[in-house]
C-alpha atoms as a PDB file:
ATOM      1  CA  MET A   1      14.884 -38.722 -35.128  1.00  0.00           C
ATOM      2  CA  ASN A   2      13.018 -41.820 -36.135  1.00  0.00           C
ATOM      3  CA  LEU A   3      13.604 -45.043 -34.259  1.00  0.00           C
ATOM      4  CA  ASN A   4      14.183 -47.913 -36.704  1.00  0.00           C
ATOM      5  CA  LEU A   5      12.749 -50.965 -34.966  1.00  0.00           C
ATOM      6  CA  GLU A   6      13.822 -53.212 -37.826  1.00  0.00           C
ATOM      7  CA  GLN A   7      17.449 -52.900 -36.659  1.00  0.00           C
ATOM      8  CA  ALA A   8      16.653 -54.889 -33.505  1.00  0.00           C
ATOM      9  CA  PHE A   9      15.002 -57.898 -35.188  1.00  0.00           C
ATOM     10  CA  ASP A  10      18.077 -60.119 -34.914  1.00  0.00           C
ATOM     11  CA  GLU A  11      20.070 -58.669 -32.029  1.00  0.00           C
ATOM     12  CA  PRO A  12      19.873 -55.778 -29.524  1.00  0.00           C
ATOM     13  CA  VAL A  13      20.996 -52.364 -30.744  1.00  0.00           C
ATOM     14  CA  ASP A  14      22.717 -49.734 -28.596  1.00  0.00           C
ATOM     15  CA  LEU A  15      21.401 -46.245 -29.253  1.00  0.00           C
ATOM     16  CA  SER A  16      22.734 -42.787 -28.567  1.00  0.00           C
ATOM     17  CA  HIS A  17      20.810 -39.613 -29.296  1.00  0.00           C
ATOM     18  CA  ASP A  18      21.248 -35.957 -28.372  1.00  0.00           C
ATOM     19  CA  LEU A  19      18.256 -33.684 -28.772  1.00  0.00           C
ATOM     20  CA  GLU A  20      17.821 -29.939 -28.454  1.00  0.00           C
ATOM     21  CA  LEU A  21      14.365 -28.727 -27.447  1.00  0.00           C
ATOM     22  CA  SER A  22      13.381 -25.090 -27.395  1.00  0.00           C
ATOM     23  CA  ARG A  23      11.786 -23.599 -24.307  1.00  0.00           C
ATOM     24  CA  GLU A  24       8.873 -22.489 -26.455  1.00  0.00           C
ATOM     25  CA  SER A  25       8.123 -26.005 -27.683  1.00  0.00           C
ATOM     26  CA  LEU A  26       7.776 -27.220 -24.094  1.00  0.00           C
ATOM     27  CA  ALA A  27       5.344 -24.385 -23.207  1.00  0.00           C
ATOM     28  CA  ARG A  28       6.654 -24.148 -19.640  1.00  0.00           C
ATOM     29  CA  PRO A  29       6.903 -20.448 -18.674  1.00  0.00           C
ATOM     30  CA  GLU A  30       9.002 -21.212 -15.567  1.00  0.00           C
ATOM     31  CA  LEU A  31      11.720 -22.788 -17.744  1.00  0.00           C
ATOM     32  CA  THR A  32      14.367 -20.154 -18.517  1.00  0.00           C
ATOM     33  CA  GLY A  33      17.061 -22.370 -20.025  1.00  0.00           C
ATOM     34  CA  LEU A  34      17.528 -25.951 -21.213  1.00  0.00           C
ATOM     35  CA  GLN A  35      20.679 -27.760 -22.255  1.00  0.00           C
ATOM     36  CA  PRO A  36      20.593 -30.514 -24.917  1.00  0.00           C
ATOM     37  CA  ILE A  37      19.044 -33.785 -23.762  1.00  0.00           C
ATOM     38  CA  SER A  38      21.265 -36.829 -23.946  1.00  0.00           C
ATOM     39  CA  PHE A  39      19.830 -40.350 -24.308  1.00  0.00           C
ATOM     40  CA  ARG A  40      21.744 -43.636 -24.161  1.00  0.00           C
ATOM     41  CA  GLY A  41      19.906 -46.932 -24.349  1.00  0.00           C
ATOM     42  CA  ARG A  42      19.318 -50.360 -25.815  1.00  0.00           C
ATOM     43  CA  LEU A  43      16.589 -51.477 -28.195  1.00  0.00           C
ATOM     44  CA  GLN A  44      15.764 -55.172 -28.210  1.00  0.00           C
ATOM     45  CA  ARG A  45      13.066 -57.489 -29.424  1.00  0.00           C
ATOM     46  CA  SER A  46      10.582 -58.851 -26.886  1.00  0.00           C
ATOM     47  CA  ASP A  47       6.961 -59.881 -26.689  1.00  0.00           C
ATOM     48  CA  PRO A  48       4.768 -58.292 -28.073  1.00  0.00           C
ATOM     49  CA  GLY A  49       7.264 -56.197 -30.096  1.00  0.00           C
ATOM     50  CA  PHE A  50      10.294 -54.260 -28.894  1.00  0.00           C
ATOM     51  CA  VAL A  51      11.559 -52.696 -25.676  1.00  0.00           C
ATOM     52  CA  LEU A  52      13.783 -49.644 -25.449  1.00  0.00           C
ATOM     53  CA  THR A  53      15.426 -49.023 -22.087  1.00  0.00           C
ATOM     54  CA  GLY A  54      17.969 -46.400 -21.291  1.00  0.00           C
ATOM     55  CA  GLN A  55      18.885 -43.277 -19.445  1.00  0.00           C
ATOM     56  CA  MET A  56      18.365 -39.650 -20.336  1.00  0.00           C
ATOM     57  CA  SER A  57      20.060 -36.690 -18.750  1.00  0.00           C
ATOM     58  CA  PHE A  58      19.778 -32.942 -19.100  1.00  0.00           C
ATOM     59  CA  SER A  59      20.115 -29.732 -17.138  1.00  0.00           C
ATOM     60  CA  GLY A  60      18.598 -26.302 -17.236  1.00  0.00           C
ATOM     61  CA  LEU A  61      17.323 -23.269 -15.371  1.00  0.00           C
ATOM     62  CA  VAL A  62      13.870 -22.682 -13.911  1.00  0.00           C
ATOM     63  CA  GLU A  63      12.433 -19.706 -12.036  1.00  0.00           C
ATOM     64  CA  CYS A  64      11.965 -20.006  -8.298  1.00  0.00           C
ATOM     65  CA  ALA A  65       8.215 -20.262  -7.688  1.00  0.00           C
ATOM     66  CA  ARG A  66       8.399 -17.591  -4.966  1.00  0.00           C
ATOM     67  CA  CYS A  67      11.085 -15.031  -5.880  1.00  0.00           C
ATOM     68  CA  LEU A  68      11.592 -15.641  -9.627  1.00  0.00           C
ATOM     69  CA  THR A  69      15.386 -16.034  -9.451  1.00  0.00           C
ATOM     70  CA  ASP A  70      16.959 -18.647 -11.713  1.00  0.00           C
ATOM     71  CA  VAL A  71      17.459 -22.052 -10.112  1.00  0.00           C
ATOM     72  CA  PRO A  72      19.756 -24.566 -11.838  1.00  0.00           C
ATOM     73  CA  PHE A  73      18.670 -28.202 -11.998  1.00  0.00           C
ATOM     74  CA  THR A  74      20.067 -31.442 -13.376  1.00  0.00           C
ATOM     75  CA  ARG A  75      18.036 -34.538 -14.082  1.00  0.00           C
ATOM     76  CA  THR A  76      19.044 -38.088 -14.898  1.00  0.00           C
ATOM     77  CA  ALA A  77      16.212 -40.550 -15.371  1.00  0.00           C
ATOM     78  CA  ASP A  78      15.885 -44.186 -16.311  1.00  0.00           C
ATOM     79  CA  VAL A  79      13.325 -44.513 -19.098  1.00  0.00           C
ATOM     80  CA  SER A  80      11.650 -47.421 -20.808  1.00  0.00           C
ATOM     81  CA  TRP A  81       9.225 -47.808 -23.695  1.00  0.00           C
ATOM     82  CA  THR A  82       7.465 -50.857 -25.099  1.00  0.00           C
ATOM     83  CA  PHE A  83       6.589 -50.842 -28.785  1.00  0.00           C
ATOM     84  CA  ALA A  84       3.989 -53.216 -30.193  1.00  0.00           C
ATOM     85  CA  PRO A  85       2.419 -53.582 -33.633  1.00  0.00           C
ATOM     86  CA  SER A  86      -1.029 -52.010 -33.843  1.00  0.00           C
ATOM     87  CA  HIS A  87      -2.593 -55.230 -35.139  1.00  0.00           C
ATOM     88  CA  ARG A  88      -1.815 -56.755 -31.723  1.00  0.00           C
ATOM     89  CA  GLN A  89      -3.825 -53.981 -30.096  1.00  0.00           C
ATOM     90  CA  ARG A  90      -6.885 -55.017 -32.078  1.00  0.00           C
ATOM     91  CA  GLU A  91      -6.292 -58.657 -31.090  1.00  0.00           C
ATOM     92  CA  LEU A  92      -6.069 -57.721 -27.421  1.00  0.00           C
ATOM     93  CA  GLU A  93      -9.073 -55.406 -27.477  1.00  0.00           C
ATOM     94  CA  GLY A  94     -11.265 -57.347 -29.871  1.00  0.00           C
ATOM     95  CA  GLU A  95     -12.529 -56.125 -33.206  1.00  0.00           C
ATOM     96  CA  GLU A  96     -15.372 -54.095 -31.667  1.00  0.00           C
ATOM     97  CA  LEU A  97     -13.099 -52.129 -29.315  1.00  0.00           C
ATOM     98  CA  GLU A  98     -15.373 -52.918 -26.406  1.00  0.00           C
ATOM     99  CA  GLU A  99     -14.885 -51.219 -23.065  1.00  0.00           C
ATOM    100  CA  ARG A 100     -12.318 -52.903 -20.887  1.00  0.00           C
ATOM    101  CA  GLU A 101     -10.241 -52.065 -17.877  1.00  0.00           C
ATOM    102  CA  LEU A 102      -6.793 -50.661 -18.589  1.00  0.00           C
ATOM    103  CA  LEU A 103      -4.055 -52.747 -17.090  1.00  0.00           C
ATOM    104  CA  GLU A 104      -0.833 -51.286 -15.725  1.00  0.00           C
ATOM    105  CA  GLY A 105       1.203 -52.215 -18.786  1.00  0.00           C
ATOM    106  CA  ASP A 106      -1.356 -50.925 -21.313  1.00  0.00           C
ATOM    107  CA  ILE A 107      -0.466 -47.290 -20.739  1.00  0.00           C
ATOM    108  CA  ASP A 108       3.219 -47.895 -21.393  1.00  0.00           C
ATOM    109  CA  ILE A 109       2.752 -49.443 -24.841  1.00  0.00           C
ATOM    110  CA  THR A 110       3.432 -47.370 -27.939  1.00  0.00           C
ATOM    111  CA  TRP A 111       1.511 -48.902 -30.837  1.00  0.00           C
ATOM    112  CA  TYR A 112       3.069 -48.683 -34.288  1.00  0.00           C
ATOM    113  CA  ASP A 113       1.975 -49.329 -37.873  1.00  0.00           C
ATOM    114  CA  ASP A 114       5.387 -48.715 -39.394  1.00  0.00           C
ATOM    115  CA  LEU A 115       8.787 -49.911 -38.163  1.00  0.00           C
ATOM    116  CA  GLN A 116       9.936 -46.268 -38.167  1.00  0.00           C
ATOM    117  CA  VAL A 117       8.691 -44.706 -34.909  1.00  0.00           C
ATOM    118  CA  PRO A 118       9.149 -40.982 -34.108  1.00  0.00           C
ATOM    119  CA  PHE A 119      11.475 -40.890 -31.107  1.00  0.00           C
ATOM    120  CA  ASP A 120      11.777 -37.180 -30.277  1.00  0.00           C
ATOM    121  CA  PRO A 121       8.167 -36.861 -28.994  1.00  0.00           C
ATOM    122  CA  LEU A 122       8.825 -39.712 -26.544  1.00  0.00           C
ATOM    123  CA  ILE A 123      11.896 -37.931 -25.188  1.00  0.00           C
ATOM    124  CA  GLU A 124       9.996 -34.633 -25.028  1.00  0.00           C
ATOM    125  CA  GLU A 125       7.269 -36.254 -22.936  1.00  0.00           C
ATOM    126  CA  GLN A 126       9.837 -37.571 -20.460  1.00  0.00           C
ATOM    127  CA  VAL A 127      11.503 -34.151 -20.254  1.00  0.00           C
ATOM    128  CA  GLN A 128       8.113 -32.601 -19.429  1.00  0.00           C
ATOM    129  CA  LEU A 129       7.742 -35.070 -16.575  1.00  0.00           C
ATOM    130  CA  GLU A 130      11.225 -34.354 -15.229  1.00  0.00           C
ATOM    131  CA  ILE A 131      11.152 -30.540 -15.193  1.00  0.00           C
ATOM    132  CA  PRO A 132      10.591 -29.358 -11.585  1.00  0.00           C
ATOM    133  CA  MET A 133       7.013 -28.165 -11.063  1.00  0.00           C
ATOM    134  CA  LYS A 134       7.435 -25.742  -8.120  1.00  0.00           C
ATOM    135  CA  PRO A 135      11.168 -25.157  -7.787  1.00  0.00           C
ATOM    136  CA  LEU A 136      12.527 -23.114  -4.902  1.00  0.00           C
ATOM    137  CA  CYS A 137      15.883 -21.346  -4.788  1.00  0.00           C
ATOM    138  CA  ARG A 138      16.110 -22.527  -1.186  1.00  0.00           C
ATOM    139  CA  PRO A 139      13.631 -24.163   1.209  1.00  0.00           C
ATOM    140  CA  ASP A 140      13.120 -20.992   3.277  1.00  0.00           C
ATOM    141  CA  CYS A 141      12.619 -18.644   0.298  1.00  0.00           C
ATOM    142  CA  LYS A 142      10.571 -15.624   1.429  1.00  0.00           C
ATOM    143  CA  GLY A 143       9.451 -14.689  -2.084  1.00  0.00           C
ATOM    144  CA  LEU A 144       8.486 -11.277  -3.394  1.00  0.00           C
ATOM    145  CA  CYS A 145       6.607  -8.586  -1.502  1.00  0.00           C
ATOM    146  CA  PRO A 146       3.062  -8.559  -2.916  1.00  0.00           C
ATOM    147  CA  SER A 147       2.875  -4.767  -2.584  1.00  0.00           C
ATOM    148  CA  CYS A 148       6.188  -3.406  -3.907  1.00  0.00           C
ATOM    149  CA  GLY A 149       7.709  -6.500  -5.556  1.00  0.00           C
ATOM    150  CA  ALA A 150      10.964  -6.436  -3.572  1.00  0.00           C
ATOM    151  CA  ASP A 151      12.820  -9.722  -3.154  1.00  0.00           C
ATOM    152  CA  ARG A 152      12.389 -10.392   0.576  1.00  0.00           C
ATOM    153  CA  ASN A 153      15.409 -12.745   0.542  1.00  0.00           C
ATOM    154  CA  THR A 154      17.813  -9.891  -0.194  1.00  0.00           C
ATOM    155  CA  THR A 155      16.070  -6.735   1.059  1.00  0.00           C
ATOM    156  CA  THR A 156      13.538  -5.746   3.648  1.00  0.00           C
ATOM    157  CA  CYS A 157      10.707  -3.603   2.451  1.00  0.00           C
ATOM    158  CA  SER A 158       8.792  -1.079   4.532  1.00  0.00           C
ATOM    159  CA  CYS A 159       5.393  -2.107   3.205  1.00  0.00           C
ATOM    160  CA  VAL A 160       2.665  -2.488   5.794  1.00  0.00           C
ATOM    161  CA  LYS A 161       0.746  -5.704   5.549  1.00  0.00           C
ATOM    162  CA  PRO A 162      -2.863  -4.783   4.698  1.00  0.00           C
ATOM    163  CA  SER A 163      -5.347  -5.789   7.340  1.00  0.00           C
ATOM    164  CA  ASP A 164      -8.200  -8.083   6.471  1.00  0.00           C
ATOM    165  CA  GLU A 165     -11.392  -6.390   7.570  1.00  0.00           C
ATOM    166  CA  ARG A 166     -13.315  -9.656   7.507  1.00  0.00           C
ATOM    167  CA  TRP A 167     -11.679 -10.635  10.830  1.00  0.00           C
ATOM    168  CA  ASP A 168     -12.475  -7.375  12.672  1.00  0.00           C
ATOM    169  CA  ALA A 169     -15.681  -8.784  14.180  1.00  0.00           C
ATOM    170  CA  LEU A 170     -13.726 -11.636  15.749  1.00  0.00           C
ATOM    171  CA  LYS A 171     -11.160  -9.266  17.274  1.00  0.00           C
ATOM    172  CA  THR A 172     -13.872  -7.769  19.498  1.00  0.00           C
ATOM    173  CA  LEU A 173     -14.336 -11.183  21.138  1.00  0.00           C
ATOM    174  CA  THR A 174     -10.784 -11.184  22.528  1.00  0.00           C
ATOM    175  CA  ARG A 175     -11.083  -7.726  24.142  1.00  0.00           C
END
């Protein structure tokens, strides 16, 4: 979807957009399922260009970082983007694009040359930020046995923990 900034020249515009992203496009191997992303927001004119504020929500499944079982998650996030014409960027930075310190608001500005701005990549970026990084099925997840691969949450394995020979010299000190 393209965001038509021209619609908000005279008065704010309420927006609604549902987007389906494939797991492959997000390149997150721990993501096993993703429901369509829903965005509701308002686009309005402001200085230096336009501001889009709203809320996105989605749900999905990710693998537990320890035992690899599917863990459901739901996310609702407030999001905001500032759009400014690219000629303003040159005015702010100077014609020679000299080195300058980035201010807090500089990172949040999306510069545009055309009043049609691709919106789906902005939503995709926010989804990437909202997907859990190290999800756990439960806080005390025991994970998989490194020797036989058994899920230690549901079964007990008879594997013997290998000893670390590097510590044998220290064991003689306690005898």
